[in-house]
N, C-alpha and C. Protein backbone atom coordinates (compact mmCIF):
# COMPACT_ATOMS: atom_id res chain seq x y z
N MET A 1 -2.57 10.43 -12.19
CA MET A 1 -2.72 10.24 -11.01
C MET A 1 -3.02 8.56 -11.41
N CYS A 2 -2.62 7.56 -9.93
CA CYS A 2 -2.82 6.46 -9.63
C CYS A 2 -3.95 5.93 -8.58
N LEU A 3 -4.64 5.26 -8.48
CA LEU A 3 -5.11 4.65 -7.11
C LEU A 3 -4.17 3.76 -6.99
N GLY A 4 -4.10 4.01 -5.58
CA GLY A 4 -3.33 2.87 -4.65
C GLY A 4 -3.67 2.85 -3.33
N ILE A 5 -3.34 1.42 -2.75
CA ILE A 5 -3.77 1.37 -1.80
C ILE A 5 -2.88 0.68 -0.80
N PRO A 6 -3.22 1.43 0.79
CA PRO A 6 -2.02 1.45 1.50
C PRO A 6 -1.83 0.12 1.85
N GLY A 7 -0.79 -0.54 2.49
CA GLY A 7 -0.22 -2.01 2.92
C GLY A 7 0.49 -1.80 3.84
N GLN A 8 0.89 -2.73 5.02
CA GLN A 8 1.89 -2.57 5.91
C GLN A 8 3.09 -3.62 5.69
N VAL A 9 3.89 -3.51 5.66
CA VAL A 9 5.18 -4.52 5.50
C VAL A 9 5.29 -5.58 6.79
N VAL A 10 4.91 -6.72 6.37
CA VAL A 10 5.47 -7.89 7.29
C VAL A 10 6.73 -8.35 7.47
N GLU A 11 6.86 -8.72 6.00
CA GLU A 11 8.63 -9.33 6.04
C GLU A 11 9.11 -8.90 4.97
N LEU A 12 10.85 -9.02 5.07
CA LEU A 12 11.10 -8.87 3.27
C LEU A 12 11.20 -10.67 2.89
N VAL A 13 10.92 -10.52 1.83
CA VAL A 13 11.21 -12.24 1.02
C VAL A 13 12.35 -12.09 0.40
N GLU A 14 13.25 -13.17 1.20
CA GLU A 14 14.81 -13.43 0.58
C GLU A 14 14.59 -13.89 -0.79
N GLY A 15 15.51 -13.62 -1.63
CA GLY A 15 15.77 -14.06 -2.92
C GLY A 15 15.10 -12.96 -3.36
N TYR A 16 15.02 -13.30 -4.83
CA TYR A 16 14.07 -12.72 -5.74
C TYR A 16 14.69 -11.15 -5.87
N GLY A 17 16.29 -10.98 -5.73
CA GLY A 17 17.04 -9.83 -5.76
C GLY A 17 16.66 -8.67 -4.62
N ASP A 18 16.13 -9.34 -3.67
CA ASP A 18 15.66 -8.34 -2.42
C ASP A 18 14.34 -7.42 -3.11
N GLN A 19 13.84 -7.98 -4.23
CA GLN A 19 12.49 -6.71 -4.42
C GLN A 19 11.44 -7.26 -4.05
N LEU A 20 11.22 -8.29 -2.88
CA LEU A 20 9.69 -8.74 -2.68
C LEU A 20 9.52 -8.66 -1.36
N ALA A 21 8.43 -8.40 -0.81
CA ALA A 21 8.07 -7.86 0.55
C ALA A 21 6.59 -8.57 0.70
N LEU A 22 6.58 -9.08 1.70
CA LEU A 22 5.06 -9.82 2.26
C LEU A 22 4.46 -8.41 2.81
N VAL A 23 3.32 -7.85 2.29
CA VAL A 23 2.34 -6.99 2.75
C VAL A 23 1.43 -7.25 3.37
N ASP A 24 0.47 -6.60 4.18
CA ASP A 24 -0.37 -6.90 4.78
C ASP A 24 -1.51 -5.52 3.91
N VAL A 25 -2.52 -5.99 3.38
CA VAL A 25 -3.53 -5.19 2.85
C VAL A 25 -4.85 -5.56 3.39
N ALA A 26 -5.39 -4.54 4.35
CA ALA A 26 -6.80 -4.57 4.82
C ALA A 26 -6.78 -6.40 5.40
N GLY A 27 -6.19 -6.39 6.02
CA GLY A 27 -5.61 -8.14 6.17
C GLY A 27 -5.54 -9.20 5.71
N VAL A 28 -5.36 -8.90 4.78
CA VAL A 28 -4.80 -9.93 3.28
C VAL A 28 -3.49 -9.44 3.25
N ARG A 29 -2.95 -10.78 3.03
CA ARG A 29 -1.35 -10.61 2.91
C ARG A 29 -0.74 -11.14 1.66
N ARG A 30 -0.22 -10.25 0.78
CA ARG A 30 0.39 -10.72 -0.54
C ARG A 30 1.68 -10.27 -0.92
N ASN A 31 2.50 -10.73 -1.60
CA ASN A 31 3.89 -10.61 -2.28
C ASN A 31 3.68 -8.99 -3.16
N ILE A 32 4.45 -8.31 -2.65
CA ILE A 32 4.44 -7.04 -3.51
C ILE A 32 6.12 -6.80 -3.97
N ASN A 33 6.15 -6.22 -5.13
CA ASN A 33 7.51 -5.81 -5.91
C ASN A 33 7.78 -4.46 -4.74
N ILE A 34 9.20 -4.45 -4.23
CA ILE A 34 9.48 -2.88 -3.59
C ILE A 34 10.31 -2.39 -5.00
N GLY A 35 10.70 -3.18 -5.69
CA GLY A 35 12.29 -2.51 -6.16
C GLY A 35 12.18 -1.38 -6.85
N LEU A 36 10.79 -0.64 -7.00
CA LEU A 36 10.42 0.87 -7.07
C LEU A 36 10.46 1.99 -6.20
N LEU A 37 10.97 1.46 -5.19
CA LEU A 37 10.98 2.16 -4.17
C LEU A 37 12.37 3.28 -4.17
N ASP A 38 12.87 4.21 -3.62
CA ASP A 38 14.55 4.64 -3.98
C ASP A 38 14.66 5.36 -2.32
N GLU A 39 13.81 5.02 -1.66
CA GLU A 39 13.94 5.78 -0.47
C GLU A 39 14.92 5.04 0.59
N GLY A 40 15.08 4.16 0.37
CA GLY A 40 16.35 3.17 1.58
C GLY A 40 15.59 1.91 1.79
N PRO A 41 15.96 1.12 2.47
CA PRO A 41 15.45 -0.28 2.99
C PRO A 41 14.19 0.21 3.78
N LEU A 42 13.41 -0.93 3.41
CA LEU A 42 11.81 -1.29 3.86
C LEU A 42 12.57 -2.03 5.22
N GLU A 43 11.50 -1.82 6.28
CA GLU A 43 11.51 -2.68 7.56
C GLU A 43 10.23 -2.90 7.95
N PRO A 44 9.89 -4.13 8.44
CA PRO A 44 8.55 -4.41 8.86
C PRO A 44 8.11 -3.84 9.89
N GLY A 45 6.83 -3.35 9.37
CA GLY A 45 6.22 -2.40 10.06
C GLY A 45 6.02 -0.97 9.31
N MET A 46 6.40 -0.84 8.30
CA MET A 46 6.56 0.19 7.43
C MET A 46 5.44 0.00 6.51
N TRP A 47 5.17 1.19 5.98
CA TRP A 47 3.51 1.61 5.03
C TRP A 47 4.22 1.74 3.91
N VAL A 48 3.57 1.07 2.88
CA VAL A 48 3.45 1.68 1.50
C VAL A 48 2.73 1.85 1.06
N ILE A 49 2.33 2.41 -0.34
CA ILE A 49 1.19 2.59 -0.97
C ILE A 49 1.65 1.42 -2.21
N ILE A 50 0.63 0.96 -2.47
CA ILE A 50 0.90 -0.20 -4.08
C ILE A 50 -0.44 0.14 -5.06
N HIS A 51 0.40 0.03 -6.15
CA HIS A 51 -0.65 -0.06 -7.42
C HIS A 51 -0.22 -1.39 -8.26
N MET A 52 -1.19 -2.12 -8.63
CA MET A 52 -1.16 -2.99 -9.50
C MET A 52 0.07 -4.07 -8.88
N GLY A 53 0.26 -4.20 -7.85
CA GLY A 53 1.24 -5.25 -7.26
C GLY A 53 2.61 -4.81 -7.00
N PHE A 54 2.61 -3.35 -7.05
CA PHE A 54 4.56 -2.36 -7.00
C PHE A 54 4.03 -1.46 -5.55
N ALA A 55 4.85 -1.32 -5.04
CA ALA A 55 5.22 -0.59 -4.20
C ALA A 55 5.50 0.62 -4.61
N LEU A 56 4.64 2.08 -4.75
CA LEU A 56 5.31 3.21 -5.23
C LEU A 56 5.77 4.28 -4.53
N GLU A 57 5.63 4.09 -3.16
CA GLU A 57 5.97 5.20 -2.37
C GLU A 57 5.63 4.96 -0.67
N ARG A 58 6.28 5.05 -0.15
CA ARG A 58 6.45 4.94 1.47
C ARG A 58 5.82 5.93 2.18
N VAL A 59 4.70 5.43 2.98
CA VAL A 59 3.98 6.65 3.80
C VAL A 59 4.25 6.04 5.13
N ASP A 60 3.53 7.14 6.22
CA ASP A 60 3.57 6.76 7.67
C ASP A 60 2.32 6.29 7.75
N ALA A 61 2.18 5.98 9.10
CA ALA A 61 0.95 5.29 9.26
C ALA A 61 -0.56 6.30 9.15
N ALA A 62 -0.24 7.63 9.57
CA ALA A 62 -1.25 8.59 8.77
C ALA A 62 -1.34 8.60 7.69
N GLY A 63 -0.66 8.69 7.07
CA GLY A 63 -0.68 8.38 5.42
C GLY A 63 -1.33 8.09 4.78
N ALA A 64 -1.02 6.27 5.46
CA ALA A 64 -2.23 4.81 4.84
C ALA A 64 -3.19 5.13 5.49
N GLU A 65 -3.92 5.86 6.92
CA GLU A 65 -5.09 6.16 6.77
C GLU A 65 -6.03 7.43 6.31
N LYS A 66 -5.15 7.94 5.71
CA LYS A 66 -5.50 8.92 5.05
C LYS A 66 -5.88 8.49 3.28
N ALA A 67 -4.76 7.68 3.15
CA ALA A 67 -5.49 6.39 1.83
C ALA A 67 -6.07 6.14 1.66
N MET A 68 -6.59 5.68 2.80
CA MET A 68 -7.66 4.22 2.75
C MET A 68 -9.18 4.74 3.11
N ARG A 69 -9.06 6.38 4.14
CA ARG A 69 -10.28 6.90 3.82
C ARG A 69 -10.75 7.50 2.57
N GLY A 70 -9.71 7.83 1.73
CA GLY A 70 -10.41 8.18 0.87
C GLY A 70 -10.51 7.08 -0.49
N LEU A 71 -9.93 5.69 -0.05
CA LEU A 71 -10.59 4.39 -1.07
C LEU A 71 -12.18 4.51 -0.34
N GLU A 72 -12.37 4.75 0.71
CA GLU A 72 -13.15 4.47 1.39
C GLU A 72 -14.73 5.03 1.03
N LEU A 73 -14.23 6.68 0.91
CA LEU A 73 -15.03 7.67 0.24
C LEU A 73 -15.19 7.41 -1.61
N MET A 74 -14.31 6.70 -1.88
CA MET A 74 -15.10 6.69 -3.41
C MET A 74 -15.76 5.46 -3.55
N GLY A 75 -15.93 4.51 -2.64
CA GLY A 75 -17.06 3.22 -2.70
C GLY A 75 -18.21 3.57 -1.74
N ARG A 76 -18.52 4.77 -1.46
CA ARG A 76 -19.80 4.97 -0.96
C ARG A 76 -20.63 5.74 -2.29
N PRO A 77 -22.05 4.88 -1.54
CA PRO A 77 -23.04 5.54 -2.72
C PRO A 77 -23.60 7.11 -2.60
N MET A 78 -23.39 7.36 -4.18
CA MET A 78 -24.16 9.11 -3.58
C MET A 78 -24.93 8.92 -2.66
N ASP A 79 -25.23 10.38 -2.42
CA ASP A 79 -26.76 10.18 -1.60
C ASP A 79 -28.01 10.76 -2.39
N ALA A 80 -29.07 10.78 -1.67
CA ALA A 80 -30.40 10.62 -2.70
C ALA A 80 -30.46 12.09 -3.63
N ASP A 81 -29.49 12.67 -2.86
CA ASP A 81 -29.88 14.30 -4.09
C ASP A 81 -28.84 14.46 -5.13
N GLY A 82 -28.17 13.16 -5.19
CA GLY A 82 -26.99 13.07 -6.27
C GLY A 82 -25.55 13.91 -5.50
N ALA A 83 -24.96 14.17 -4.73
CA ALA A 83 -24.27 14.85 -4.27
C ALA A 83 -22.88 13.42 -3.36
């Protein structure tokens, strides 16, 4: 299992063998390699899970929200009782 971050496709980047997309990740836009996706073409507005600069899977908005909540939970400090 890997740690993935959800991002929303802003636009497909021309050239590069149709393997790059500009993706918004928590308000920061970055180019992401989409060459590993085999689920059909991406369009602006779609969500992907990203790991190490590669889109690994396509998710819907609910799946992206669930992934982000999980990441936020991992970043929270433990309670005083250690839980």
